[in-house]
């Protein structure tokens, strides 16, 4: 599943990403797709998709004139959702 998701993100990014598909620019650096790709690579499919989805939701709520730099956290800085 992880490999399939990473492949899909690579395809999305090489065909133009948000600018081409949705006519928008990402308000974050790295972009939402790059963030999600790194999160999936670092934390696996379930956690990475969850982190990416939260990022995309925040991106649509931000002021379009404001760019925010927010890298993917390192593995030891993310709380585990399984107790």
Foldseek 3Di string as FASTA:
>chain_A
DLVVLLVVLVVCVVVPHCCVPPVADFQEPVRLSVQLNVLCVQPNDPRSVVVSVVSVVVRVVDDRVHHYYDHHDHPVVDDDPPD
